[in-house]
Amino acid sequence: MQVKGTIKRVNAEQQVSDKFKKRTVHVETEGEYPQTIEVQFTQDKTSLLDGFAAGQLVTIDINLRGREWTGNDGVLKVFNTIEGWRISSDNEAPQSSESEEIIDDLPF
C-alpha cells in the first residue's frame, strides 16, 4: 500500500528499548477529505527519514500492522500501526538539458 501527502513534521528517533527504536512522520493526505496520519519507521528504517522535512510532498510505502491485547479488566483491544518501509520525495524537479542550454546561451 502507499500513502501520498505532505509532511507536517518529522519526529526525532526514540530508543524504546535496547533492541527497539522508532521514528515517526506526520503526513497530511491528499484528496477531498485530507487526513493527518502518523507513519512509524522502525529499526534500520528510521534513517530513511533523514533529509525529509515539513512541506515536502512524499509517497510512503506502508504495511498495516495490528495486534490484540486484553487489559486487566478483561476487555479485548486491538492496536493498529501504520509501518513505513520506503519513502520518496515527489518535490524533485526533473532535470532537463534545456535549462543547461539556456544558461550556455546567455550573452555574458
PDB file of N, CA and C in Angstrom:
ATOM      1  N   MET A   1       0.839  -1.176   0.000  1.00  0.00           N
ATOM      2  CA  MET A   1       0.000   0.000   0.000  1.00  0.00           C
ATOM      3  C   MET A   1       0.887   1.243   0.000  1.00  0.00           C
ATOM      4  N   GLN A   2       0.308   2.342  -0.419  1.00  0.00           N
ATOM      5  CA  GLN A   2       1.035   3.603  -0.421  1.00  0.00           C
ATOM      6  C   GLN A   2       0.187   4.717   0.172  1.00  0.00           C
ATOM      7  N   VAL A   3       0.861   5.667   0.789  1.00  0.00           N
ATOM      8  CA  VAL A   3       0.255   6.889   1.287  1.00  0.00           C
ATOM      9  C   VAL A   3       0.988   8.028   0.594  1.00  0.00           C
ATOM     10  N   LYS A   4       0.210   8.972   0.053  1.00  0.00           N
ATOM     11  CA  LYS A   4       0.808  10.132  -0.603  1.00  0.00           C
ATOM     12  C   LYS A   4       0.283  11.375   0.092  1.00  0.00           C
ATOM     13  N   GLY A   5       1.196  12.301   0.416  1.00  0.00           N
ATOM     14  CA  GLY A   5       0.765  13.518   1.084  1.00  0.00           C
ATOM     15  C   GLY A   5       1.929  14.436   1.379  1.00  0.00           C
ATOM     16  N   THR A   6       1.646  15.453   2.191  1.00  0.00           N
ATOM     17  CA  THR A   6       2.627  16.457   2.548  1.00  0.00           C
ATOM     18  C   THR A   6       3.066  16.250   3.987  1.00  0.00           C
ATOM     19  N   ILE A   7       4.366  16.262   4.203  1.00  0.00           N
ATOM     20  CA  ILE A   7       4.897  16.085   5.562  1.00  0.00           C
ATOM     21  C   ILE A   7       4.538  17.301   6.404  1.00  0.00           C
ATOM     22  N   LYS A   8       3.971  17.045   7.581  1.00  0.00           N
ATOM     23  CA  LYS A   8       3.700  18.111   8.548  1.00  0.00           C
ATOM     24  C   LYS A   8       4.837  18.220   9.548  1.00  0.00           C
ATOM     25  N   ARG A   9       5.410  17.062   9.948  1.00  0.00           N
ATOM     26  CA  ARG A   9       6.550  17.061  10.855  1.00  0.00           C
ATOM     27  C   ARG A   9       7.246  15.708  10.818  1.00  0.00           C
ATOM     28  N   VAL A  10       8.558  15.744  11.028  1.00  0.00           N
ATOM     29  CA  VAL A  10       9.361  14.538  11.185  1.00  0.00           C
ATOM     30  C   VAL A  10       9.861  14.547  12.622  1.00  0.00           C
ATOM     31  N   ASN A  11       9.520  13.532  13.381  1.00  0.00           N
ATOM     32  CA  ASN A  11       9.880  13.483  14.791  1.00  0.00           C
ATOM     33  C   ASN A  11      11.247  12.840  14.994  1.00  0.00           C
ATOM     34  N   ALA A  12      11.830  13.117  16.142  1.00  0.00           N
ATOM     35  CA  ALA A  12      13.141  12.570  16.488  1.00  0.00           C
ATOM     36  C   ALA A  12      13.027  11.069  16.739  1.00  0.00           C
ATOM     37  N   GLU A  13      14.152  10.392  16.560  1.00  0.00           N
ATOM     38  CA  GLU A  13      14.209   8.952  16.820  1.00  0.00           C
ATOM     39  C   GLU A  13      14.038   8.689  18.312  1.00  0.00           C
ATOM     40  N   GLN A  14      13.289   7.632  18.638  1.00  0.00           N
ATOM     41  CA  GLN A  14      13.071   7.216  20.033  1.00  0.00           C
ATOM     42  C   GLN A  14      13.675   5.834  20.237  1.00  0.00           C
ATOM     43  N   GLN A  15      14.516   5.700  21.251  1.00  0.00           N
ATOM     44  CA  GLN A  15      15.072   4.403  21.617  1.00  0.00           C
ATOM     45  C   GLN A  15      14.129   3.823  22.670  1.00  0.00           C
ATOM     46  N   VAL A  16      13.208   2.951  22.260  1.00  0.00           N
ATOM     47  CA  VAL A  16      12.174   2.418  23.139  1.00  0.00           C
ATOM     48  C   VAL A  16      12.759   1.399  24.113  1.00  0.00           C
ATOM     49  N   SER A  17      13.663   0.552  23.637  1.00  0.00           N
ATOM     50  CA  SER A  17      14.345  -0.430  24.473  1.00  0.00           C
ATOM     51  C   SER A  17      15.730  -0.679  23.882  1.00  0.00           C
ATOM     52  N   ASP A  18      16.493  -1.575  24.505  1.00  0.00           N
ATOM     53  CA  ASP A  18      17.825  -1.884  23.982  1.00  0.00           C
ATOM     54  C   ASP A  18      17.778  -2.416  22.561  1.00  0.00           C
ATOM     55  N   LYS A  19      16.668  -3.060  22.210  1.00  0.00           N
ATOM     56  CA  LYS A  19      16.576  -3.723  20.907  1.00  0.00           C
ATOM     57  C   LYS A  19      15.561  -3.097  19.954  1.00  0.00           C
ATOM     58  N   PHE A  20      14.923  -1.999  20.375  1.00  0.00           N
ATOM     59  CA  PHE A  20      13.873  -1.432  19.530  1.00  0.00           C
ATOM     60  C   PHE A  20      13.954   0.087  19.501  1.00  0.00           C
ATOM     61  N   LYS A  21      13.999   0.648  18.273  1.00  0.00           N
ATOM     62  CA  LYS A  21      13.946   2.093  18.089  1.00  0.00           C
ATOM     63  C   LYS A  21      12.935   2.417  16.998  1.00  0.00           C
ATOM     64  N   LYS A  22      12.362   3.621  17.093  1.00  0.00           N
ATOM     65  CA  LYS A  22      11.369   4.029  16.099  1.00  0.00           C
ATOM     66  C   LYS A  22      11.475   5.524  15.855  1.00  0.00           C
ATOM     67  N   ARG A  23      10.914   5.933  14.718  1.00  0.00           N
ATOM     68  CA  ARG A  23      10.834   7.342  14.347  1.00  0.00           C
ATOM     69  C   ARG A  23       9.544   7.518  13.568  1.00  0.00           C
ATOM     70  N   THR A  24       8.819   8.593  13.841  1.00  0.00           N
ATOM     71  CA  THR A  24       7.535   8.794  13.185  1.00  0.00           C
ATOM     72  C   THR A  24       7.545  10.066  12.340  1.00  0.00           C
ATOM     73  N   VAL A  25       6.662  10.047  11.356  1.00  0.00           N
ATOM     74  CA  VAL A  25       6.448  11.207  10.499  1.00  0.00           C
ATOM     75  C   VAL A  25       4.939  11.420  10.406  1.00  0.00           C
ATOM     76  N   HIS A  26       4.520  12.684  10.474  1.00  0.00           N
ATOM     77  CA  HIS A  26       3.106  13.026  10.325  1.00  0.00           C
ATOM     78  C   HIS A  26       2.895  13.557   8.921  1.00  0.00           C
ATOM     79  N   VAL A  27       1.929  12.961   8.218  1.00  0.00           N
ATOM     80  CA  VAL A  27       1.669  13.282   6.820  1.00  0.00           C
ATOM     81  C   VAL A  27       0.200  13.655   6.658  1.00  0.00           C
ATOM     82  N   GLU A  28      -0.055  14.745   5.945  1.00  0.00           N
ATOM     83  CA  GLU A  28      -1.433  15.120   5.605  1.00  0.00           C
ATOM     84  C   GLU A  28      -1.710  14.576   4.210  1.00  0.00           C
ATOM     85  N   THR A  29      -2.697  13.696   4.118  1.00  0.00           N
ATOM     86  CA  THR A  29      -3.010  13.042   2.854  1.00  0.00           C
ATOM     87  C   THR A  29      -3.674  14.021   1.892  1.00  0.00           C
ATOM     88  N   GLU A  30      -3.693  13.622   0.631  1.00  0.00           N
ATOM     89  CA  GLU A  30      -4.329  14.427  -0.404  1.00  0.00           C
ATOM     90  C   GLU A  30      -5.780  14.010  -0.548  1.00  0.00           C
ATOM     91  N   GLY A  31      -6.529  14.746  -1.325  1.00  0.00           N
ATOM     92  CA  GLY A  31      -7.898  14.360  -1.632  1.00  0.00           C
ATOM     93  C   GLY A  31      -8.914  15.323  -1.077  1.00  0.00           C
ATOM     94  N   GLU A  32     -10.163  14.968  -1.292  1.00  0.00           N
ATOM     95  CA  GLU A  32     -11.274  15.830  -0.872  1.00  0.00           C
ATOM     96  C   GLU A  32     -11.357  15.962   0.641  1.00  0.00           C
ATOM     97  N   TYR A  33     -11.009  14.896   1.360  1.00  0.00           N
ATOM     98  CA  TYR A  33     -11.059  14.899   2.820  1.00  0.00           C
ATOM     99  C   TYR A  33      -9.683  14.539   3.387  1.00  0.00           C
ATOM    100  N   PRO A  34      -8.741  15.494   3.385  1.00  0.00           N
ATOM    101  CA  PRO A  34      -7.384  15.195   3.845  1.00  0.00           C
ATOM    102  C   PRO A  34      -7.378  14.792   5.320  1.00  0.00           C
ATOM    103  N   GLN A  35      -6.499  13.860   5.637  1.00  0.00           N
ATOM    104  CA  GLN A  35      -6.349  13.358   6.988  1.00  0.00           C
ATOM    105  C   GLN A  35      -4.880  13.462   7.388  1.00  0.00           C
ATOM    106  N   THR A  36      -4.622  13.725   8.659  1.00  0.00           N
ATOM    107  CA  THR A  36      -3.262  13.686   9.164  1.00  0.00           C
ATOM    108  C   THR A  36      -3.046  12.327   9.800  1.00  0.00           C
ATOM    109  N   ILE A  37      -2.046  11.609   9.311  1.00  0.00           N
ATOM    110  CA  ILE A  37      -1.756  10.276   9.837  1.00  0.00           C
ATOM    111  C   ILE A  37      -0.303  10.214  10.294  1.00  0.00           C
ATOM    112  N   GLU A  38      -0.046   9.295  11.201  1.00  0.00           N
ATOM    113  CA  GLU A  38       1.309   9.064  11.685  1.00  0.00           C
ATOM    114  C   GLU A  38       1.815   7.755  11.101  1.00  0.00           C
ATOM    115  N   VAL A  39       2.980   7.811  10.466  1.00  0.00           N
ATOM    116  CA  VAL A  39       3.614   6.623   9.908  1.00  0.00           C
ATOM    117  C   VAL A  39       4.868   6.366  10.719  1.00  0.00           C
ATOM    118  N   GLN A  40       5.022   5.122  11.162  1.00  0.00           N
ATOM    119  CA  GLN A  40       6.150   4.742  12.011  1.00  0.00           C
ATOM    120  C   GLN A  40       7.199   3.988  11.209  1.00  0.00           C
ATOM    121  N   PHE A  41       8.458   4.386  11.346  1.00  0.00           N
ATOM    122  CA  PHE A  41       9.593   3.664  10.773  1.00  0.00           C
ATOM    123  C   PHE A  41      10.380   3.077  11.932  1.00  0.00           C
ATOM    124  N   THR A  42      10.793   1.818  11.839  1.00  0.00           N
ATOM    125  CA  THR A  42      11.478   1.167  12.954  1.00  0.00           C
ATOM    126  C   THR A  42      12.844   0.624  12.542  1.00  0.00           C
ATOM    127  N   GLN A  43      13.653   0.397  13.575  1.00  0.00           N
ATOM    128  CA  GLN A  43      14.975  -0.207  13.455  1.00  0.00           C
ATOM    129  C   GLN A  43      15.828   0.497  12.406  1.00  0.00           C
ATOM    130  N   ASP A  44      16.370  -0.216  11.426  1.00  0.00           N
ATOM    131  CA  ASP A  44      17.258   0.389  10.429  1.00  0.00           C
ATOM    132  C   ASP A  44      16.511   1.310   9.460  1.00  0.00           C
ATOM    133  N   LYS A  45      15.195   1.268   9.458  1.00  0.00           N
ATOM    134  CA  LYS A  45      14.406   2.122   8.555  1.00  0.00           C
ATOM    135  C   LYS A  45      14.264   3.552   9.081  1.00  0.00           C
ATOM    136  N   THR A  46      14.640   3.805  10.359  1.00  0.00           N
ATOM    137  CA  THR A  46      14.499   5.158  10.909  1.00  0.00           C
ATOM    138  C   THR A  46      15.342   6.167  10.133  1.00  0.00           C
ATOM    139  N   SER A  47      16.475   5.726   9.612  1.00  0.00           N
ATOM    140  CA  SER A  47      17.359   6.637   8.885  1.00  0.00           C
ATOM    141  C   SER A  47      16.785   7.054   7.529  1.00  0.00           C
ATOM    142  N   LEU A  48      15.751   6.360   7.060  1.00  0.00           N
ATOM    143  CA  LEU A  48      15.128   6.742   5.794  1.00  0.00           C
ATOM    144  C   LEU A  48      14.507   8.136   5.857  1.00  0.00           C
ATOM    145  N   LEU A  49      14.194   8.604   7.071  1.00  0.00           N
ATOM    146  CA  LEU A  49      13.575   9.915   7.227  1.00  0.00           C
ATOM    147  C   LEU A  49      14.589  11.056   7.259  1.00  0.00           C
ATOM    148  N   ASP A  50      15.885  10.723   7.314  1.00  0.00           N
ATOM    149  CA  ASP A  50      16.919  11.760   7.269  1.00  0.00           C
ATOM    150  C   ASP A  50      16.789  12.526   5.954  1.00  0.00           C
ATOM    151  N   GLY A  51      16.845  13.835   6.035  1.00  0.00           N
ATOM    152  CA  GLY A  51      16.768  14.653   4.831  1.00  0.00           C
ATOM    153  C   GLY A  51      15.356  15.054   4.439  1.00  0.00           C
ATOM    154  N   PHE A  52      14.358  14.529   5.126  1.00  0.00           N
ATOM    155  CA  PHE A  52      12.979  14.930   4.849  1.00  0.00           C
ATOM    156  C   PHE A  52      12.539  15.971   5.868  1.00  0.00           C
ATOM    157  N   ALA A  53      11.684  16.911   5.433  1.00  0.00           N
ATOM    158  CA  ALA A  53      11.253  17.997   6.310  1.00  0.00           C
ATOM    159  C   ALA A  53       9.811  18.390   6.000  1.00  0.00           C
ATOM    160  N   ALA A  54       9.249  19.181   6.897  1.00  0.00           N
ATOM    161  CA  ALA A  54       7.876  19.668   6.730  1.00  0.00           C
ATOM    162  C   ALA A  54       7.740  20.387   5.394  1.00  0.00           C
ATOM    163  N   GLY A  55       6.606  20.163   4.749  1.00  0.00           N
ATOM    164  CA  GLY A  55       6.303  20.814   3.484  1.00  0.00           C
ATOM    165  C   GLY A  55       6.602  19.975   2.252  1.00  0.00           C
ATOM    166  N   GLN A  56       7.361  18.901   2.417  1.00  0.00           N
ATOM    167  CA  GLN A  56       7.687  18.068   1.257  1.00  0.00           C
ATOM    168  C   GLN A  56       6.520  17.153   0.909  1.00  0.00           C
ATOM    169  N   LEU A  57       6.279  17.008  -0.382  1.00  0.00           N
ATOM    170  CA  LEU A  57       5.298  16.059  -0.886  1.00  0.00           C
ATOM    171  C   LEU A  57       5.996  14.719  -1.036  1.00  0.00           C
ATOM    172  N   VAL A  58       5.430  13.671  -0.412  1.00  0.00           N
ATOM    173  CA  VAL A  58       6.085  12.364  -0.400  1.00  0.00           C
ATOM    174  C   VAL A  58       5.106  11.238  -0.715  1.00  0.00           C
ATOM    175  N   THR A  59       5.684  10.114  -1.118  1.00  0.00           N
ATOM    176  CA  THR A  59       4.961   8.861  -1.246  1.00  0.00           C
ATOM    177  C   THR A  59       5.642   7.882  -0.301  1.00  0.00           C
ATOM    178  N   ILE A  60       4.849   7.234   0.556  1.00  0.00           N
ATOM    179  CA  ILE A  60       5.386   6.294   1.535  1.00  0.00           C
ATOM    180  C   ILE A  60       4.759   4.934   1.295  1.00  0.00           C
ATOM    181  N   ASP A  61       5.603   3.917   1.150  1.00  0.00           N
ATOM    182  CA  ASP A  61       5.130   2.536   1.072  1.00  0.00           C
ATOM    183  C   ASP A  61       4.929   2.046   2.496  1.00  0.00           C
ATOM    184  N   ILE A  62       3.749   1.467   2.761  1.00  0.00           N
ATOM    185  CA  ILE A  62       3.396   1.099   4.132  1.00  0.00           C
ATOM    186  C   ILE A  62       2.865  -0.325   4.226  1.00  0.00           C
ATOM    187  N   ASN A  63       2.904  -0.833   5.427  1.00  0.00           N
ATOM    188  CA  ASN A  63       2.196  -2.050   5.820  1.00  0.00           C
ATOM    189  C   ASN A  63       1.318  -1.686   7.001  1.00  0.00           C
ATOM    190  N   LEU A  64       0.139  -2.273   7.072  1.00  0.00           N
ATOM    191  CA  LEU A  64      -0.731  -2.091   8.229  1.00  0.00           C
ATOM    192  C   LEU A  64      -0.459  -3.227   9.201  1.00  0.00           C
ATOM    193  N   ARG A  65      -0.211  -2.871  10.450  1.00  0.00           N
ATOM    194  CA  ARG A  65       0.066  -3.862  11.482  1.00  0.00           C
ATOM    195  C   ARG A  65      -0.988  -3.726  12.567  1.00  0.00           C
ATOM    196  N   GLY A  66      -1.311  -4.847  13.207  1.00  0.00           N
ATOM    197  CA  GLY A  66      -2.274  -4.827  14.299  1.00  0.00           C
ATOM    198  C   GLY A  66      -2.027  -5.963  15.260  1.00  0.00           C
ATOM    199  N   ARG A  67      -2.397  -5.735  16.507  1.00  0.00           N
ATOM    200  CA  ARG A  67      -2.280  -6.806  17.497  1.00  0.00           C
ATOM    201  C   ARG A  67      -3.373  -6.653  18.529  1.00  0.00           C
ATOM    202  N   GLU A  68      -3.773  -7.788  19.075  1.00  0.00           N
ATOM    203  CA  GLU A  68      -4.788  -7.806  20.126  1.00  0.00           C
ATOM    204  C   GLU A  68      -4.118  -7.722  21.488  1.00  0.00           C
ATOM    205  N   TRP A  69      -4.820  -7.120  22.434  1.00  0.00           N
ATOM    206  CA  TRP A  69      -4.344  -7.013  23.804  1.00  0.00           C
ATOM    207  C   TRP A  69      -5.546  -7.045  24.731  1.00  0.00           C
ATOM    208  N   THR A  70      -5.454  -7.844  25.784  1.00  0.00           N
ATOM    209  CA  THR A  70      -6.516  -7.920  26.774  1.00  0.00           C
ATOM    210  C   THR A  70      -6.050  -7.227  28.042  1.00  0.00           C
ATOM    211  N   GLY A  71      -6.792  -6.221  28.455  1.00  0.00           N
ATOM    212  CA  GLY A  71      -6.449  -5.456  29.647  1.00  0.00           C
ATOM    213  C   GLY A  71      -6.813  -6.202  30.918  1.00  0.00           C
ATOM    214  N   ASN A  72      -6.425  -5.638  32.052  1.00  0.00           N
ATOM    215  CA  ASN A  72      -6.741  -6.237  33.353  1.00  0.00           C
ATOM    216  C   ASN A  72      -8.237  -6.351  33.587  1.00  0.00           C
ATOM    217  N   ASP A  73      -9.016  -5.522  32.914  1.00  0.00           N
ATOM    218  CA  ASP A  73     -10.477  -5.563  33.059  1.00  0.00           C
ATOM    219  C   ASP A  73     -11.118  -6.616  32.156  1.00  0.00           C
ATOM    220  N   GLY A  74     -10.293  -7.347  31.401  1.00  0.00           N
ATOM    221  CA  GLY A  74     -10.802  -8.405  30.530  1.00  0.00           C
ATOM    222  C   GLY A  74     -11.296  -7.928  29.181  1.00  0.00           C
ATOM    223  N   VAL A  75     -11.197  -6.644  28.909  1.00  0.00           N
ATOM    224  CA  VAL A  75     -11.659  -6.088  27.643  1.00  0.00           C
ATOM    225  C   VAL A  75     -10.567  -6.260  26.585  1.00  0.00           C
ATOM    226  N   LEU A  76     -10.962  -6.848  25.466  1.00  0.00           N
ATOM    227  CA  LEU A  76     -10.047  -7.056  24.341  1.00  0.00           C
ATOM    228  C   LEU A  76      -9.951  -5.783  23.522  1.00  0.00           C
ATOM    229  N   LYS A  77      -8.728  -5.365  23.248  1.00  0.00           N
ATOM    230  CA  LYS A  77      -8.497  -4.181  22.423  1.00  0.00           C
ATOM    231  C   LYS A  77      -7.583  -4.572  21.274  1.00  0.00           C
ATOM    232  N   VAL A  78      -7.671  -3.818  20.174  1.00  0.00           N
ATOM    233  CA  VAL A  78      -6.794  -4.027  19.028  1.00  0.00           C
ATOM    234  C   VAL A  78      -6.037  -2.722  18.787  1.00  0.00           C
ATOM    235  N   PHE A  79      -4.715  -2.834  18.704  1.00  0.00           N
ATOM    236  CA  PHE A  79      -3.866  -1.690  18.407  1.00  0.00           C
ATOM    237  C   PHE A  79      -3.377  -1.800  16.972  1.00  0.00           C
ATOM    238  N   ASN A  80      -3.470  -0.696  16.235  1.00  0.00           N
ATOM    239  CA  ASN A  80      -3.035  -0.668  14.842  1.00  0.00           C
ATOM    240  C   ASN A  80      -1.845   0.269  14.685  1.00  0.00           C
ATOM    241  N   THR A  81      -0.969  -0.061  13.762  1.00  0.00           N
ATOM    242  CA  THR A  81       0.195   0.761  13.441  1.00  0.00           C
ATOM    243  C   THR A  81       0.326   0.833  11.929  1.00  0.00           C
ATOM    244  N   ILE A  82       0.652   2.013  11.442  1.00  0.00           N
ATOM    245  CA  ILE A  82       0.991   2.185  10.032  1.00  0.00           C
ATOM    246  C   ILE A  82       2.511   2.181   9.973  1.00  0.00           C
ATOM    247  N   GLU A  83       3.071   1.128   9.402  1.00  0.00           N
ATOM    248  CA  GLU A  83       4.517   0.905   9.378  1.00  0.00           C
ATOM    249  C   GLU A  83       5.076   1.263   8.007  1.00  0.00           C
ATOM    250  N   GLY A  84       5.967   2.258   7.965  1.00  0.00           N
ATOM    251  CA  GLY A  84       6.600   2.656   6.711  1.00  0.00           C
ATOM    252  C   GLY A  84       7.844   1.833   6.441  1.00  0.00           C
ATOM    253  N   TRP A  85       8.081   1.544   5.164  1.00  0.00           N
ATOM    254  CA  TRP A  85       9.302   0.809   4.823  1.00  0.00           C
ATOM    255  C   TRP A  85      10.059   1.419   3.645  1.00  0.00           C
ATOM    256  N   ARG A  86       9.453   2.426   3.006  1.00  0.00           N
ATOM    257  CA  ARG A  86      10.143   3.172   1.957  1.00  0.00           C
ATOM    258  C   ARG A  86       9.463   4.531   1.842  1.00  0.00           C
ATOM    259  N   ILE A  87      10.259   5.573   1.553  1.00  0.00           N
ATOM    260  CA  ILE A  87       9.721   6.924   1.381  1.00  0.00           C
ATOM    261  C   ILE A  87      10.469   7.586   0.229  1.00  0.00           C
ATOM    262  N   SER A  88       9.722   8.305  -0.598  1.00  0.00           N
ATOM    263  CA  SER A  88      10.347   9.027  -1.702  1.00  0.00           C
ATOM    264  C   SER A  88       9.703  10.402  -1.823  1.00  0.00           C
ATOM    265  N   SER A  89      10.512  11.363  -2.238  1.00  0.00           N
ATOM    266  CA  SER A  89      10.049  12.733  -2.392  1.00  0.00           C
ATOM    267  C   SER A  89       9.422  12.916  -3.761  1.00  0.00           C
ATOM    268  N   ASP A  90       8.305  13.621  -3.794  1.00  0.00           N
ATOM    269  CA  ASP A  90       7.639  13.941  -5.053  1.00  0.00           C
ATOM    270  C   ASP A  90       7.899  15.394  -5.441  1.00  0.00           C
ATOM    271  N   ASN A  91       8.737  16.103  -4.677  1.00  0.00           N
ATOM    272  CA  ASN A  91       9.043  17.512  -4.943  1.00  0.00           C
ATOM    273  C   ASN A  91      10.183  17.704  -5.913  1.00  0.00           C
ATOM    274  N   GLU A  92      10.921  16.669  -6.186  1.00  0.00           N
ATOM    275  CA  GLU A  92      12.109  16.823  -7.012  1.00  0.00           C
ATOM    276  C   GLU A  92      11.732  17.190  -8.446  1.00  0.00           C
ATOM    277  N   ALA A  93      12.286  18.277  -8.914  1.00  0.00           N
ATOM    278  CA  ALA A  93      12.027  18.708 -10.287  1.00  0.00           C
ATOM    279  C   ALA A  93      12.907  17.892 -11.226  1.00  0.00           C
ATOM    280  N   PRO A  94      12.348  17.400 -12.315  1.00  0.00           N
ATOM    281  CA  PRO A  94      13.170  16.641 -13.250  1.00  0.00           C
ATOM    282  C   PRO A  94      14.231  17.531 -13.879  1.00  0.00           C
ATOM    283  N   GLN A  95      15.402  16.991 -14.033  1.00  0.00           N
ATOM    284  CA  GLN A  95      16.475  17.746 -14.663  1.00  0.00           C
ATOM    285  C   GLN A  95      16.318  17.642 -16.170  1.00  0.00           C
ATOM    286  N   SER A  96      16.470  18.758 -16.831  1.00  0.00           N
ATOM    287  CA  SER A  96      16.353  18.739 -18.288  1.00  0.00           C
ATOM    288  C   SER A  96      17.584  19.390 -18.906  1.00  0.00           C
ATOM    289  N   SER A  97      17.884  18.979 -20.095  1.00  0.00           N
ATOM    290  CA  SER A  97      19.040  19.546 -20.791  1.00  0.00           C
ATOM    291  C   SER A  97      18.715  20.948 -21.301  1.00  0.00           C
ATOM    292  N   GLU A  98      17.419  21.299 -21.401  1.00  0.00           N
ATOM    293  CA  GLU A  98      17.038  22.624 -21.884  1.00  0.00           C
ATOM    294  C   GLU A  98      17.570  23.714 -20.972  1.00  0.00           C
ATOM    295  N   SER A  99      17.506  23.518 -19.650  1.00  0.00           N
ATOM    296  CA  SER A  99      17.972  24.551 -18.732  1.00  0.00           C
ATOM    297  C   SER A  99      19.473  24.761 -18.890  1.00  0.00           C
ATOM    298  N   GLU A 100      20.209  23.699 -19.165  1.00  0.00           N
ATOM    299  CA  GLU A 100      21.640  23.828 -19.374  1.00  0.00           C
ATOM    300  C   GLU A 100      21.923  24.623 -20.652  1.00  0.00           C
ATOM    301  N   GLU A 101      21.126  24.399 -21.688  1.00  0.00           N
ATOM    302  CA  GLU A 101      21.326  25.109 -22.948  1.00  0.00           C
ATOM    303  C   GLU A 101      21.041  26.589 -22.784  1.00  0.00           C
ATOM    304  N   ILE A 102      20.021  26.942 -22.022  1.00  0.00           N
ATOM    305  CA  ILE A 102      19.668  28.347 -21.810  1.00  0.00           C
ATOM    306  C   ILE A 102      20.813  29.061 -21.110  1.00  0.00           C
ATOM    307  N   ILE A 103      21.367  28.430 -20.086  1.00  0.00           N
ATOM    308  CA  ILE A 103      22.487  29.037 -19.363  1.00  0.00           C
ATOM    309  C   ILE A 103      23.670  29.248 -20.295  1.00  0.00           C
ATOM    310  N   ASP A 104      23.948  28.292 -21.167  1.00  0.00           N
ATOM    311  CA  ASP A 104      25.074  28.414 -22.094  1.00  0.00           C
ATOM    312  C   ASP A 104      24.858  29.507 -23.133  1.00  0.00           C
ATOM    313  N   ASP A 105      23.605  29.862 -23.432  1.00  0.00           N
ATOM    314  CA  ASP A 105      23.302  30.861 -24.465  1.00  0.00           C
ATOM    315  C   ASP A 105      23.263  32.284 -23.924  1.00  0.00           C
ATOM    316  N   LEU A 106      23.512  32.484 -22.627  1.00  0.00           N
ATOM    317  CA  LEU A 106      23.473  33.834 -22.065  1.00  0.00           C
ATOM    318  C   LEU A 106      24.619  34.667 -22.646  1.00  0.00           C
ATOM    319  N   PRO A 107      24.371  35.976 -22.937  1.00  0.00           N
ATOM    320  CA  PRO A 107      25.365  36.812 -23.595  1.00  0.00           C
ATOM    321  C   PRO A 107      26.512  37.238 -22.684  1.00  0.00           C
ATOM    322  N   PHE A 108      26.485  36.978 -21.426  1.00  0.00           N
ATOM    323  CA  PHE A 108      27.563  37.419 -20.525  1.00  0.00           C
ATOM    324  C   PHE A 108      28.230  36.285 -19.832  1.00  0.00           C
TER     325      PHE A 108
END
